[in-house]
Structure formats: C-alpha cells, structure tokens
Amino acid sequence: MTKLTTHALDIYSGKPAKGMKVDIYFISSKKEKIKSIILNNDGRPDEVLVDPIKVGNYELVFHAGNYFKKTIELESPTFLNEVSIKFGISNSKENYHVPLLVSPWSYSTYRGS
C-alpha cells in the first residue's frame, strides 16, 4: 500500500513537534479538507493521512504559531502562524513523505519516500 506521511521537528527545541495540529487538503477545482490530525510524541500522526492516495494536488497546513505559543513566549502576532506546504502527487504507486523542520522564525521541507 502506498502512503502519504509527514512529521514535524521543532528545531528550536531539538524535539519532535508533539501536539502540533496539521490539516490535510486535496485541491482540484476546489479545496477539500480531508482531515485534521494532532502529531504524537514522535511528531508523527497516529493515523493514515490519505487513503487511497490519488494523483493530484495536496496541501498540508501545519499550525506552527499555536504550537510555539504553547512552548515558548512569543510576541503577537507570531512571525510564522500557519505553514502551508502545497505539493503534487504524480504517481499514486509511490510513497510520499513530506516532513517539516520548523522554528518560530523559519522552516524547511523536502520530499522523502
């Protein structure tokens, strides 16, 4: 079975982003919310993000601002609030891993498998 997976690492504290909310969307002619999840102690979801995976455009929205407000003192509004990663899946037979490395002031991502 092919999978779409994610995880988030809090590079400010050097730990997984436990408790961060992530929204998952499929985008075609409209933006359809698939679900919302909360990341576990390892900064990963406890459930499958998308089943089945289909070819098309997706968006993961990481609620980084709310996460960091719970862990450190930040001025309001936060520099990063929602981190949106929009990406396409061109082959539904491959695995797609879309991690987020995030601090209160920066982020990066990449495609893993």
N, C-alpha and C. Protein backbone atom coordinates (compact mmCIF):
# COMPACT_ATOMS: atom_id res chain seq x y z
N MET A 1 0.84 -1.19 0.00
CA MET A 1 0.00 0.00 0.00
C MET A 1 0.88 1.24 0.00
N THR A 2 0.61 2.16 -0.88
CA THR A 2 1.36 3.42 -0.92
C THR A 2 0.85 4.35 0.17
N LYS A 3 1.72 5.27 0.59
CA LYS A 3 1.37 6.13 1.71
C LYS A 3 1.78 7.57 1.48
N LEU A 4 1.02 8.46 2.08
CA LEU A 4 1.40 9.86 2.26
C LEU A 4 1.64 10.02 3.75
N THR A 5 2.86 10.39 4.12
CA THR A 5 3.21 10.54 5.53
C THR A 5 3.84 11.90 5.76
N THR A 6 3.88 12.29 7.03
CA THR A 6 4.53 13.53 7.42
C THR A 6 5.06 13.40 8.83
N HIS A 7 5.89 14.31 9.21
CA HIS A 7 6.26 14.51 10.61
C HIS A 7 6.80 15.93 10.72
N ALA A 8 6.82 16.43 11.95
CA ALA A 8 7.32 17.78 12.18
C ALA A 8 8.34 17.75 13.29
N LEU A 9 9.47 18.40 13.05
CA LEU A 9 10.53 18.52 14.04
C LEU A 9 10.68 19.97 14.43
N ASP A 10 10.65 20.21 15.73
CA ASP A 10 10.83 21.54 16.31
C ASP A 10 12.34 21.76 16.43
N ILE A 11 12.93 22.49 15.48
CA ILE A 11 14.38 22.67 15.51
C ILE A 11 14.81 23.73 16.50
N TYR A 12 13.86 24.45 17.09
CA TYR A 12 14.18 25.40 18.16
C TYR A 12 14.52 24.64 19.44
N SER A 13 13.73 23.62 19.77
CA SER A 13 13.97 22.84 20.99
C SER A 13 14.76 21.57 20.71
N GLY A 14 14.86 21.19 19.44
CA GLY A 14 15.55 19.95 19.10
C GLY A 14 14.72 18.71 19.38
N LYS A 15 13.39 18.85 19.37
CA LYS A 15 12.49 17.74 19.68
C LYS A 15 11.40 17.62 18.62
N PRO A 16 10.72 16.47 18.59
CA PRO A 16 9.55 16.37 17.72
C PRO A 16 8.48 17.37 18.14
N ALA A 17 7.67 17.81 17.19
CA ALA A 17 6.63 18.81 17.45
C ALA A 17 5.36 18.14 17.98
N LYS A 18 5.45 17.58 19.15
CA LYS A 18 4.34 16.88 19.80
C LYS A 18 3.17 17.85 20.01
N GLY A 19 1.98 17.43 19.58
CA GLY A 19 0.78 18.22 19.78
C GLY A 19 0.47 19.23 18.69
N MET A 20 1.32 19.35 17.67
CA MET A 20 1.03 20.29 16.58
C MET A 20 -0.14 19.78 15.74
N LYS A 21 -1.05 20.67 15.42
CA LYS A 21 -2.19 20.34 14.56
C LYS A 21 -1.77 20.48 13.10
N VAL A 22 -2.25 19.54 12.27
CA VAL A 22 -2.00 19.57 10.83
C VAL A 22 -3.32 19.30 10.11
N ASP A 23 -3.64 20.15 9.15
CA ASP A 23 -4.82 19.95 8.29
C ASP A 23 -4.34 19.42 6.95
N ILE A 24 -5.10 18.46 6.39
CA ILE A 24 -4.75 17.87 5.10
C ILE A 24 -5.88 18.17 4.12
N TYR A 25 -5.49 18.68 2.92
CA TYR A 25 -6.46 19.05 1.89
C TYR A 25 -6.10 18.39 0.56
N PHE A 26 -7.12 18.10 -0.24
CA PHE A 26 -6.96 17.74 -1.64
C PHE A 26 -7.49 18.92 -2.44
N ILE A 27 -6.71 19.34 -3.45
CA ILE A 27 -7.09 20.52 -4.21
C ILE A 27 -7.31 20.14 -5.67
N SER A 28 -8.53 20.31 -6.12
CA SER A 28 -8.85 20.12 -7.55
C SER A 28 -9.49 21.41 -8.01
N SER A 29 -10.74 21.37 -8.44
CA SER A 29 -11.42 22.62 -8.79
C SER A 29 -11.78 23.40 -7.53
N LYS A 30 -11.77 22.71 -6.39
CA LYS A 30 -11.98 23.35 -5.10
C LYS A 30 -11.05 22.70 -4.07
N LYS A 31 -10.93 23.32 -2.93
CA LYS A 31 -10.07 22.83 -1.85
C LYS A 31 -10.93 22.02 -0.89
N GLU A 32 -10.66 20.71 -0.82
CA GLU A 32 -11.45 19.81 0.02
C GLU A 32 -10.61 19.38 1.23
N LYS A 33 -11.13 19.63 2.42
CA LYS A 33 -10.43 19.20 3.62
C LYS A 33 -10.64 17.69 3.80
N ILE A 34 -9.53 16.97 3.92
CA ILE A 34 -9.59 15.54 4.14
C ILE A 34 -9.75 15.26 5.63
N LYS A 35 -8.90 15.89 6.44
CA LYS A 35 -8.99 15.73 7.89
C LYS A 35 -8.01 16.64 8.60
N SER A 36 -8.15 16.70 9.91
CA SER A 36 -7.18 17.35 10.79
C SER A 36 -6.63 16.29 11.72
N ILE A 37 -5.34 16.41 12.02
CA ILE A 37 -4.70 15.46 12.93
C ILE A 37 -3.85 16.22 13.94
N ILE A 38 -3.52 15.57 15.03
CA ILE A 38 -2.60 16.09 16.03
C ILE A 38 -1.40 15.15 16.06
N LEU A 39 -0.20 15.72 15.98
CA LEU A 39 1.01 14.90 15.94
C LEU A 39 1.30 14.31 17.32
N ASN A 40 1.79 13.08 17.32
CA ASN A 40 2.06 12.35 18.56
C ASN A 40 3.42 12.72 19.17
N ASN A 41 3.86 11.96 20.16
CA ASN A 41 5.12 12.23 20.86
C ASN A 41 6.33 12.24 19.94
N ASP A 42 6.25 11.52 18.82
CA ASP A 42 7.34 11.48 17.85
C ASP A 42 7.18 12.55 16.76
N GLY A 43 6.16 13.41 16.89
CA GLY A 43 5.91 14.42 15.87
C GLY A 43 5.32 13.85 14.60
N ARG A 44 4.68 12.68 14.73
CA ARG A 44 4.08 11.99 13.59
C ARG A 44 2.59 11.75 13.86
N PRO A 45 1.81 11.56 12.80
CA PRO A 45 0.40 11.23 13.02
C PRO A 45 0.24 9.78 13.44
N ASP A 46 -0.79 9.50 14.21
CA ASP A 46 -1.11 8.13 14.61
C ASP A 46 -1.99 7.42 13.59
N GLU A 47 -2.42 8.14 12.58
CA GLU A 47 -3.35 7.57 11.61
C GLU A 47 -2.87 7.86 10.19
N VAL A 48 -3.46 7.14 9.24
CA VAL A 48 -3.17 7.34 7.83
C VAL A 48 -3.69 8.71 7.41
N LEU A 49 -2.87 9.45 6.67
CA LEU A 49 -3.29 10.79 6.23
C LEU A 49 -4.31 10.73 5.10
N VAL A 50 -4.03 9.93 4.09
CA VAL A 50 -4.89 9.84 2.91
C VAL A 50 -4.97 8.38 2.48
N ASP A 51 -6.17 7.89 2.30
CA ASP A 51 -6.35 6.51 1.86
C ASP A 51 -7.59 6.44 0.98
N PRO A 52 -7.49 6.16 -0.28
CA PRO A 52 -6.25 5.90 -1.02
C PRO A 52 -5.62 7.20 -1.52
N ILE A 53 -4.35 7.12 -1.84
CA ILE A 53 -3.68 8.26 -2.47
C ILE A 53 -4.14 8.32 -3.92
N LYS A 54 -4.42 9.54 -4.38
CA LYS A 54 -4.75 9.70 -5.80
C LYS A 54 -3.87 10.79 -6.38
N VAL A 55 -3.68 10.72 -7.68
CA VAL A 55 -2.90 11.73 -8.39
C VAL A 55 -3.59 13.07 -8.23
N GLY A 56 -2.82 14.10 -7.96
CA GLY A 56 -3.39 15.43 -7.84
C GLY A 56 -2.60 16.31 -6.90
N ASN A 57 -3.21 17.42 -6.52
CA ASN A 57 -2.55 18.41 -5.67
C ASN A 57 -3.08 18.33 -4.24
N TYR A 58 -2.14 18.44 -3.30
CA TYR A 58 -2.44 18.35 -1.89
C TYR A 58 -1.86 19.57 -1.16
N GLU A 59 -2.35 19.77 0.05
CA GLU A 59 -1.81 20.81 0.91
C GLU A 59 -1.82 20.30 2.34
N LEU A 60 -0.68 20.47 3.01
CA LEU A 60 -0.58 20.23 4.45
C LEU A 60 -0.44 21.59 5.11
N VAL A 61 -1.26 21.86 6.11
CA VAL A 61 -1.19 23.13 6.84
C VAL A 61 -0.81 22.80 8.28
N PHE A 62 0.40 23.20 8.65
CA PHE A 62 0.92 22.97 9.99
C PHE A 62 0.64 24.23 10.83
N HIS A 63 0.00 24.06 11.96
CA HIS A 63 -0.36 25.18 12.83
C HIS A 63 0.81 25.48 13.78
N ALA A 64 1.87 26.01 13.20
CA ALA A 64 3.11 26.25 13.93
C ALA A 64 2.98 27.36 14.98
N GLY A 65 2.26 28.41 14.66
CA GLY A 65 2.11 29.52 15.60
C GLY A 65 1.48 29.08 16.90
N ASN A 66 0.37 28.34 16.81
CA ASN A 66 -0.30 27.84 18.02
C ASN A 66 0.60 26.88 18.79
N TYR A 67 1.34 26.04 18.06
CA TYR A 67 2.26 25.11 18.72
C TYR A 67 3.32 25.87 19.52
N PHE A 68 3.97 26.84 18.89
CA PHE A 68 5.05 27.55 19.58
C PHE A 68 4.53 28.44 20.71
N LYS A 69 3.32 28.96 20.59
CA LYS A 69 2.75 29.75 21.68
C LYS A 69 2.61 28.93 22.96
N LYS A 70 2.43 27.62 22.81
CA LYS A 70 2.30 26.73 23.97
C LYS A 70 3.65 26.36 24.57
N THR A 71 4.73 26.52 23.80
CA THR A 71 6.02 26.04 24.27
C THR A 71 7.00 27.14 24.66
N ILE A 72 6.89 28.31 24.04
CA ILE A 72 7.78 29.43 24.38
C ILE A 72 6.99 30.73 24.33
N GLU A 73 7.54 31.76 24.93
CA GLU A 73 6.88 33.06 24.92
C GLU A 73 7.24 33.78 23.63
N LEU A 74 6.21 34.16 22.87
CA LEU A 74 6.40 34.86 21.60
C LEU A 74 5.54 36.10 21.57
N GLU A 75 6.01 37.12 20.83
CA GLU A 75 5.20 38.31 20.62
C GLU A 75 4.05 37.96 19.69
N SER A 76 2.98 38.73 19.80
CA SER A 76 1.83 38.51 18.96
C SER A 76 1.69 39.66 17.98
N PRO A 77 1.45 39.43 16.72
CA PRO A 77 1.29 38.12 16.12
C PRO A 77 2.63 37.41 15.94
N THR A 78 2.57 36.09 15.89
CA THR A 78 3.79 35.31 15.69
C THR A 78 4.30 35.52 14.26
N PHE A 79 5.60 35.36 14.08
CA PHE A 79 6.18 35.51 12.75
C PHE A 79 5.61 34.45 11.81
N LEU A 80 5.63 33.19 12.24
CA LEU A 80 5.00 32.12 11.48
C LEU A 80 3.73 31.71 12.19
N ASN A 81 2.65 31.67 11.46
CA ASN A 81 1.40 31.21 12.04
C ASN A 81 1.08 29.83 11.47
N GLU A 82 0.60 29.79 10.25
CA GLU A 82 0.35 28.53 9.57
C GLU A 82 1.40 28.33 8.50
N VAL A 83 2.00 27.16 8.49
CA VAL A 83 2.96 26.81 7.44
C VAL A 83 2.23 25.89 6.47
N SER A 84 2.08 26.37 5.25
CA SER A 84 1.35 25.64 4.22
C SER A 84 2.33 25.04 3.22
N ILE A 85 2.22 23.75 3.02
CA ILE A 85 3.05 23.08 2.02
C ILE A 85 2.12 22.51 0.96
N LYS A 86 2.20 23.08 -0.24
CA LYS A 86 1.39 22.61 -1.36
C LYS A 86 2.29 21.78 -2.26
N PHE A 87 1.81 20.61 -2.64
CA PHE A 87 2.64 19.70 -3.44
C PHE A 87 1.73 18.84 -4.31
N GLY A 88 2.33 18.25 -5.32
CA GLY A 88 1.58 17.39 -6.23
C GLY A 88 2.05 15.95 -6.13
N ILE A 89 1.11 15.05 -6.29
CA ILE A 89 1.40 13.62 -6.37
C ILE A 89 1.13 13.20 -7.80
N SER A 90 2.19 12.78 -8.49
CA SER A 90 2.07 12.42 -9.90
C SER A 90 2.01 10.91 -10.10
N ASN A 91 2.35 10.14 -9.07
CA ASN A 91 2.34 8.69 -9.19
C ASN A 91 1.74 8.11 -7.91
N SER A 92 0.54 7.60 -7.99
CA SER A 92 -0.15 7.08 -6.80
C SER A 92 0.39 5.73 -6.34
N LYS A 93 1.41 5.22 -7.02
CA LYS A 93 2.02 3.94 -6.62
C LYS A 93 3.31 4.15 -5.82
N GLU A 94 3.70 5.43 -5.62
CA GLU A 94 4.90 5.75 -4.85
C GLU A 94 4.52 6.28 -3.48
N ASN A 95 5.44 6.14 -2.53
CA ASN A 95 5.26 6.75 -1.21
C ASN A 95 5.71 8.19 -1.26
N TYR A 96 5.01 9.04 -0.54
CA TYR A 96 5.37 10.45 -0.43
C TYR A 96 5.47 10.80 1.06
N HIS A 97 6.64 11.24 1.47
CA HIS A 97 6.86 11.67 2.85
C HIS A 97 7.19 13.16 2.80
N VAL A 98 6.39 13.97 3.52
CA VAL A 98 6.53 15.43 3.46
C VAL A 98 6.76 15.94 4.88
N PRO A 99 8.02 15.99 5.32
CA PRO A 99 8.31 16.45 6.68
C PRO A 99 8.46 17.97 6.75
N LEU A 100 8.34 18.47 7.97
CA LEU A 100 8.53 19.89 8.23
C LEU A 100 9.56 20.04 9.34
N LEU A 101 10.59 20.83 9.08
CA LEU A 101 11.55 21.23 10.10
C LEU A 101 11.25 22.69 10.38
N VAL A 102 10.90 23.02 11.64
CA VAL A 102 10.34 24.35 11.90
C VAL A 102 10.85 24.94 13.20
N SER A 103 11.05 26.25 13.18
CA SER A 103 11.33 27.04 14.37
C SER A 103 10.31 28.17 14.37
N PRO A 104 10.28 29.02 15.39
CA PRO A 104 9.34 30.13 15.36
C PRO A 104 9.58 31.12 14.22
N TRP A 105 10.76 31.04 13.57
CA TRP A 105 11.12 32.05 12.56
C TRP A 105 11.52 31.48 11.20
N SER A 106 11.52 30.16 11.06
CA SER A 106 11.92 29.58 9.76
C SER A 106 11.38 28.16 9.64
N TYR A 107 11.40 27.67 8.39
CA TYR A 107 11.02 26.26 8.17
C TYR A 107 11.64 25.78 6.87
N SER A 108 11.71 24.46 6.76
CA SER A 108 12.12 23.84 5.50
C SER A 108 11.40 22.50 5.37
N THR A 109 11.36 22.02 4.15
CA THR A 109 10.70 20.74 3.87
C THR A 109 11.41 20.08 2.69
N TYR A 110 11.05 18.87 2.43
CA TYR A 110 11.60 18.14 1.29
C TYR A 110 10.68 16.94 1.01
N ARG A 111 10.90 16.29 -0.10
CA ARG A 111 10.15 15.06 -0.37
C ARG A 111 11.01 13.87 -0.01
N GLY A 112 10.53 13.08 0.89
CA GLY A 112 11.15 11.80 1.21
C GLY A 112 10.30 10.70 0.65
N SER A 113 10.66 9.48 0.96
CA SER A 113 9.85 8.35 0.48
C SER A 113 9.63 7.34 1.58
